[in-house]
């Protein structure tokens, strides 16, 4: 495993321990160069309540790895979370810096009804 990925996972572990103590649903993301993925997990982390990603057919566009696509995923995960009965979540950014695509996804989810 390369050094950058190990450092990101170390930061993610620290955040997940704190979120685990809160015992609240968790909105977690994964960012790849081409796509964005988001899931809402139960407090124990064993069940996915809602998910959205840029690889889904109805979301796919010309550019899937940019800020605009991340905003679409944020809106979609908020809608699916509300449909599943989830209103309050803890945002798990998976060790990524809170800017660019990560920030766009979080802002879009907040604007569309998720509270975190």
N, C-alpha and C. Protein backbone atom coordinates (compact mmCIF):
# COMPACT_ATOMS: atom_id res chain seq x y z
N UNK A 1 0.85 -1.17 0.00
CA UNK A 1 0.00 0.00 0.00
C UNK A 1 0.90 1.24 0.00
N UNK A 2 0.54 2.21 -0.83
CA UNK A 2 1.40 3.39 -0.90
C UNK A 2 1.18 4.31 0.30
N UNK A 3 2.06 5.25 0.47
CA UNK A 3 2.09 6.11 1.65
C UNK A 3 0.86 7.01 1.72
N UNK A 4 0.45 7.56 0.57
CA UNK A 4 -0.71 8.46 0.57
C UNK A 4 -1.98 7.73 1.01
N UNK A 5 -2.17 6.51 0.50
CA UNK A 5 -3.37 5.76 0.87
C UNK A 5 -3.33 5.37 2.34
N UNK A 6 -2.18 4.99 2.84
CA UNK A 6 -2.05 4.62 4.25
C UNK A 6 -2.37 5.81 5.15
N UNK A 7 -1.91 6.99 4.78
CA UNK A 7 -2.19 8.19 5.56
C UNK A 7 -3.68 8.52 5.54
N UNK A 8 -4.32 8.38 4.38
CA UNK A 8 -5.76 8.64 4.28
C UNK A 8 -6.55 7.67 5.14
N UNK A 9 -6.18 6.40 5.11
CA UNK A 9 -6.88 5.40 5.91
C UNK A 9 -6.66 5.61 7.40
N UNK A 10 -5.49 6.11 7.78
CA UNK A 10 -5.23 6.43 9.18
C UNK A 10 -6.16 7.57 9.64
N UNK A 11 -6.29 8.61 8.81
CA UNK A 11 -7.19 9.71 9.13
C UNK A 11 -8.64 9.22 9.19
N UNK A 12 -9.01 8.33 8.27
CA UNK A 12 -10.38 7.81 8.23
C UNK A 12 -10.69 7.01 9.49
N UNK A 13 -9.73 6.23 9.95
CA UNK A 13 -9.94 5.41 11.14
C UNK A 13 -10.22 6.28 12.36
N UNK A 14 -9.47 7.35 12.48
CA UNK A 14 -9.64 8.28 13.60
C UNK A 14 -11.06 8.86 13.60
N UNK A 15 -11.55 9.25 12.44
CA UNK A 15 -12.89 9.81 12.32
C UNK A 15 -13.95 8.76 12.62
N UNK A 16 -13.76 7.56 12.12
CA UNK A 16 -14.77 6.51 12.30
C UNK A 16 -14.89 6.08 13.75
N UNK A 17 -13.81 6.14 14.51
CA UNK A 17 -13.88 5.82 15.93
C UNK A 17 -14.77 6.84 16.64
N UNK A 18 -14.61 8.12 16.33
CA UNK A 18 -15.42 9.16 16.95
C UNK A 18 -16.88 9.03 16.55
N UNK A 19 -17.14 8.76 15.27
CA UNK A 19 -18.52 8.59 14.80
C UNK A 19 -19.15 7.36 15.47
N UNK A 20 -18.37 6.31 15.67
CA UNK A 20 -18.88 5.11 16.34
C UNK A 20 -19.32 5.39 17.76
N UNK A 21 -18.64 6.30 18.44
CA UNK A 21 -19.02 6.66 19.80
C UNK A 21 -20.33 7.45 19.82
N UNK A 22 -20.63 8.16 18.75
CA UNK A 22 -21.86 8.96 18.68
C UNK A 22 -23.10 8.10 18.47
N UNK A 23 -22.93 6.89 17.92
CA UNK A 23 -24.04 5.96 17.65
C UNK A 23 -25.12 6.62 16.78
N UNK A 24 -24.70 7.16 15.64
CA UNK A 24 -25.61 7.81 14.71
C UNK A 24 -25.34 7.26 13.31
N UNK A 25 -26.34 7.33 12.42
CA UNK A 25 -26.15 6.89 11.04
C UNK A 25 -25.00 7.67 10.41
N UNK A 26 -24.29 7.02 9.49
CA UNK A 26 -23.07 7.59 8.93
C UNK A 26 -23.19 7.72 7.42
N UNK A 27 -22.92 8.92 6.90
CA UNK A 27 -22.84 9.15 5.46
C UNK A 27 -21.37 9.06 5.09
N UNK A 28 -21.01 7.99 4.40
CA UNK A 28 -19.62 7.78 4.02
C UNK A 28 -19.46 7.91 2.52
N UNK A 29 -18.30 8.36 2.10
CA UNK A 29 -18.06 8.56 0.67
C UNK A 29 -16.79 7.85 0.25
N UNK A 30 -16.69 7.59 -1.04
CA UNK A 30 -15.46 7.12 -1.65
C UNK A 30 -15.28 7.90 -2.94
N UNK A 31 -14.07 8.35 -3.15
CA UNK A 31 -13.76 9.18 -4.31
C UNK A 31 -12.69 8.48 -5.14
N UNK A 32 -13.01 8.21 -6.39
CA UNK A 32 -12.00 7.68 -7.31
C UNK A 32 -11.79 8.74 -8.39
N UNK A 33 -10.78 8.62 -9.21
CA UNK A 33 -10.57 9.64 -10.24
C UNK A 33 -11.74 9.79 -11.21
N UNK A 34 -12.46 8.71 -11.47
CA UNK A 34 -13.56 8.78 -12.43
C UNK A 34 -14.94 8.91 -11.79
N UNK A 35 -15.12 8.46 -10.54
CA UNK A 35 -16.46 8.37 -9.97
C UNK A 35 -16.50 8.81 -8.51
N UNK A 36 -17.73 9.05 -8.02
CA UNK A 36 -18.00 9.33 -6.61
C UNK A 36 -19.06 8.34 -6.13
N UNK A 37 -18.88 7.86 -4.91
CA UNK A 37 -19.81 6.91 -4.31
C UNK A 37 -20.20 7.44 -2.94
N UNK A 38 -21.46 7.26 -2.53
CA UNK A 38 -21.91 7.67 -1.20
C UNK A 38 -22.86 6.62 -0.66
N UNK A 39 -22.76 6.36 0.64
CA UNK A 39 -23.64 5.39 1.31
C UNK A 39 -24.05 5.94 2.67
N UNK A 40 -25.26 5.61 3.08
CA UNK A 40 -25.69 5.88 4.45
C UNK A 40 -25.75 4.54 5.15
N UNK A 41 -24.95 4.41 6.21
CA UNK A 41 -24.82 3.16 6.96
C UNK A 41 -25.46 3.29 8.33
N UNK A 42 -25.87 2.16 8.90
CA UNK A 42 -26.38 2.12 10.26
C UNK A 42 -25.25 2.42 11.24
N UNK A 43 -25.57 2.76 12.49
CA UNK A 43 -24.50 3.07 13.46
C UNK A 43 -23.50 1.93 13.64
N UNK A 44 -23.95 0.69 13.55
CA UNK A 44 -23.02 -0.43 13.69
C UNK A 44 -22.22 -0.68 12.41
N UNK A 45 -22.66 -0.11 11.28
CA UNK A 45 -21.94 -0.23 10.02
C UNK A 45 -22.21 -1.52 9.27
N UNK A 46 -23.19 -2.30 9.71
CA UNK A 46 -23.42 -3.60 9.07
C UNK A 46 -24.52 -3.58 8.02
N UNK A 47 -25.24 -2.46 7.87
CA UNK A 47 -26.34 -2.42 6.91
C UNK A 47 -26.33 -1.08 6.17
N UNK A 48 -26.50 -1.15 4.85
CA UNK A 48 -26.57 0.05 4.02
C UNK A 48 -28.03 0.47 3.91
N UNK A 49 -28.34 1.69 4.31
CA UNK A 49 -29.71 2.20 4.25
C UNK A 49 -30.01 2.87 2.91
N UNK A 50 -29.03 3.53 2.33
CA UNK A 50 -29.20 4.18 1.03
C UNK A 50 -27.83 4.32 0.38
N UNK A 51 -27.82 4.33 -0.95
CA UNK A 51 -26.56 4.51 -1.65
C UNK A 51 -26.81 5.23 -2.97
N UNK A 52 -25.76 5.88 -3.46
CA UNK A 52 -25.82 6.57 -4.75
C UNK A 52 -24.40 6.66 -5.29
N UNK A 53 -24.27 6.60 -6.60
CA UNK A 53 -22.95 6.75 -7.21
C UNK A 53 -23.09 7.21 -8.65
N UNK A 54 -21.99 7.66 -9.21
CA UNK A 54 -22.00 8.14 -10.58
C UNK A 54 -21.97 7.01 -11.59
N UNK A 55 -21.86 5.77 -11.16
CA UNK A 55 -21.88 4.65 -12.11
C UNK A 55 -23.31 4.19 -12.41
N UNK A 56 -24.30 4.72 -11.66
CA UNK A 56 -25.69 4.34 -11.92
C UNK A 56 -26.15 4.92 -13.25
N UNK A 57 -27.00 4.19 -13.92
CA UNK A 57 -27.40 4.56 -15.27
C UNK A 57 -28.13 5.90 -15.32
N UNK A 58 -29.01 6.18 -14.36
CA UNK A 58 -29.78 7.43 -14.39
C UNK A 58 -28.96 8.66 -13.99
N UNK A 59 -27.80 8.46 -13.40
CA UNK A 59 -26.96 9.57 -12.95
C UNK A 59 -25.81 9.82 -13.91
N UNK A 60 -25.41 8.82 -14.63
CA UNK A 60 -24.24 8.89 -15.50
C UNK A 60 -24.35 10.03 -16.49
N UNK A 61 -23.27 10.75 -16.68
CA UNK A 61 -23.23 11.85 -17.63
C UNK A 61 -21.91 11.82 -18.39
N UNK A 62 -21.64 12.90 -19.07
CA UNK A 62 -20.39 12.98 -19.83
C UNK A 62 -19.18 13.00 -18.91
N UNK A 63 -19.27 13.76 -17.83
CA UNK A 63 -18.18 13.86 -16.86
C UNK A 63 -18.70 13.36 -15.51
N UNK A 64 -18.10 12.31 -14.99
CA UNK A 64 -18.55 11.74 -13.72
C UNK A 64 -17.61 12.01 -12.57
N UNK A 65 -16.42 12.53 -12.83
CA UNK A 65 -15.44 12.74 -11.78
C UNK A 65 -15.24 14.19 -11.43
N UNK A 66 -16.25 15.04 -11.66
CA UNK A 66 -16.08 16.46 -11.38
C UNK A 66 -17.02 16.94 -10.27
N UNK A 67 -16.94 18.22 -9.95
CA UNK A 67 -17.72 18.81 -8.86
C UNK A 67 -19.21 18.75 -9.16
N UNK A 68 -19.59 18.96 -10.40
CA UNK A 68 -21.01 18.92 -10.77
C UNK A 68 -21.60 17.53 -10.52
N UNK A 69 -20.88 16.49 -10.89
CA UNK A 69 -21.34 15.12 -10.67
C UNK A 69 -21.44 14.82 -9.17
N UNK A 70 -20.50 15.33 -8.38
CA UNK A 70 -20.56 15.13 -6.93
C UNK A 70 -21.79 15.80 -6.35
N UNK A 71 -22.15 16.96 -6.87
CA UNK A 71 -23.38 17.63 -6.43
C UNK A 71 -24.62 16.81 -6.74
N UNK A 72 -24.64 16.19 -7.92
CA UNK A 72 -25.78 15.32 -8.27
C UNK A 72 -25.88 14.14 -7.31
N UNK A 73 -24.75 13.57 -6.92
CA UNK A 73 -24.75 12.44 -6.00
C UNK A 73 -25.20 12.89 -4.61
N UNK A 74 -24.78 14.07 -4.17
CA UNK A 74 -25.22 14.60 -2.88
C UNK A 74 -26.73 14.77 -2.83
N UNK A 75 -27.29 15.30 -3.90
CA UNK A 75 -28.75 15.48 -3.96
C UNK A 75 -29.46 14.13 -3.94
N UNK A 76 -28.95 13.18 -4.70
CA UNK A 76 -29.57 11.87 -4.79
C UNK A 76 -29.49 11.10 -3.48
N UNK A 77 -28.34 11.16 -2.78
CA UNK A 77 -28.22 10.44 -1.51
C UNK A 77 -29.12 11.06 -0.46
N UNK A 78 -29.32 12.38 -0.51
CA UNK A 78 -30.23 13.02 0.45
C UNK A 78 -31.68 12.57 0.20
N UNK A 79 -32.07 12.51 -1.04
CA UNK A 79 -33.43 12.07 -1.37
C UNK A 79 -33.65 10.62 -0.95
N UNK A 80 -32.69 9.76 -1.25
CA UNK A 80 -32.83 8.35 -0.89
C UNK A 80 -32.75 8.15 0.62
N UNK A 81 -31.96 8.95 1.30
CA UNK A 81 -31.88 8.86 2.76
C UNK A 81 -33.19 9.26 3.41
N UNK A 82 -33.80 10.35 2.92
CA UNK A 82 -35.09 10.77 3.46
C UNK A 82 -36.15 9.73 3.19
N UNK A 83 -36.11 9.09 2.02
CA UNK A 83 -37.07 8.03 1.69
C UNK A 83 -36.89 6.83 2.62
N UNK A 84 -35.66 6.59 3.10
CA UNK A 84 -35.40 5.49 4.01
C UNK A 84 -35.66 5.87 5.47
N UNK A 85 -36.06 7.12 5.70
CA UNK A 85 -36.37 7.56 7.06
C UNK A 85 -35.18 8.09 7.83
N UNK A 86 -34.14 8.49 7.13
CA UNK A 86 -32.94 9.02 7.77
C UNK A 86 -32.92 10.53 7.61
N UNK A 87 -32.82 11.25 8.72
CA UNK A 87 -32.76 12.70 8.65
C UNK A 87 -31.45 13.25 9.15
N UNK A 88 -30.86 12.59 10.15
CA UNK A 88 -29.62 13.07 10.76
C UNK A 88 -28.53 12.03 10.56
N UNK A 89 -27.38 12.47 10.07
CA UNK A 89 -26.24 11.59 9.83
C UNK A 89 -24.96 12.27 10.31
N UNK A 90 -23.92 11.48 10.45
CA UNK A 90 -22.58 12.00 10.67
C UNK A 90 -21.82 11.84 9.36
N UNK A 91 -21.10 12.87 8.96
CA UNK A 91 -20.42 12.86 7.66
C UNK A 91 -19.03 12.26 7.82
N UNK A 92 -18.82 11.11 7.17
CA UNK A 92 -17.53 10.43 7.17
C UNK A 92 -16.88 10.70 5.83
N UNK A 93 -15.90 11.58 5.80
CA UNK A 93 -15.26 11.96 4.54
C UNK A 93 -14.16 10.99 4.15
N UNK A 94 -13.98 9.91 4.88
CA UNK A 94 -13.04 8.83 4.57
C UNK A 94 -11.59 9.30 4.46
N UNK A 95 -11.23 10.31 5.21
CA UNK A 95 -9.86 10.79 5.22
C UNK A 95 -9.53 11.77 4.11
N UNK A 96 -10.49 12.08 3.24
CA UNK A 96 -10.25 13.04 2.16
C UNK A 96 -10.36 14.46 2.71
N UNK A 97 -9.65 15.40 2.11
CA UNK A 97 -9.74 16.81 2.50
C UNK A 97 -11.13 17.34 2.13
N UNK A 98 -11.65 18.24 2.97
CA UNK A 98 -13.00 18.76 2.75
C UNK A 98 -12.94 19.95 1.79
N UNK A 99 -12.75 19.67 0.51
CA UNK A 99 -12.80 20.68 -0.53
C UNK A 99 -13.08 19.97 -1.85
N UNK A 100 -13.43 20.73 -2.86
CA UNK A 100 -13.67 20.16 -4.18
C UNK A 100 -14.89 19.27 -4.22
N UNK A 101 -14.71 18.06 -4.70
CA UNK A 101 -15.83 17.13 -4.87
C UNK A 101 -16.46 16.71 -3.55
N UNK A 102 -15.63 16.55 -2.51
CA UNK A 102 -16.15 16.15 -1.20
C UNK A 102 -17.06 17.25 -0.64
N UNK A 103 -16.63 18.49 -0.74
CA UNK A 103 -17.41 19.62 -0.25
C UNK A 103 -18.70 19.77 -1.07
N UNK A 104 -18.63 19.60 -2.38
CA UNK A 104 -19.80 19.73 -3.24
C UNK A 104 -20.85 18.68 -2.88
N UNK A 105 -20.42 17.45 -2.62
CA UNK A 105 -21.35 16.40 -2.23
C UNK A 105 -22.00 16.72 -0.89
N UNK A 106 -21.22 17.17 0.07
CA UNK A 106 -21.74 17.49 1.40
C UNK A 106 -22.72 18.65 1.34
N UNK A 107 -22.38 19.71 0.61
CA UNK A 107 -23.27 20.87 0.50
C UNK A 107 -24.58 20.51 -0.17
N UNK A 108 -24.53 19.71 -1.23
CA UNK A 108 -25.76 19.30 -1.93
C UNK A 108 -26.63 18.43 -1.03
N UNK A 109 -26.02 17.56 -0.23
CA UNK A 109 -26.79 16.72 0.69
C UNK A 109 -27.46 17.57 1.76
N UNK A 110 -26.76 18.57 2.27
CA UNK A 110 -27.35 19.47 3.28
C UNK A 110 -28.50 20.27 2.70
N UNK A 111 -28.33 20.80 1.49
CA UNK A 111 -29.37 21.60 0.85
C UNK A 111 -30.63 20.80 0.59
N UNK A 112 -30.49 19.50 0.41
CA UNK A 112 -31.65 18.66 0.09
C UNK A 112 -32.20 17.90 1.28
N UNK A 113 -31.84 18.29 2.49
CA UNK A 113 -32.55 17.79 3.65
C UNK A 113 -31.80 16.93 4.64
N UNK A 114 -30.56 16.52 4.38
CA UNK A 114 -29.84 15.75 5.37
C UNK A 114 -29.22 16.70 6.39
N UNK A 115 -29.27 16.33 7.65
CA UNK A 115 -28.76 17.17 8.73
C UNK A 115 -27.48 16.56 9.26
N UNK A 116 -26.37 17.29 9.12
CA UNK A 116 -25.09 16.88 9.70
C UNK A 116 -24.19 18.06 9.87
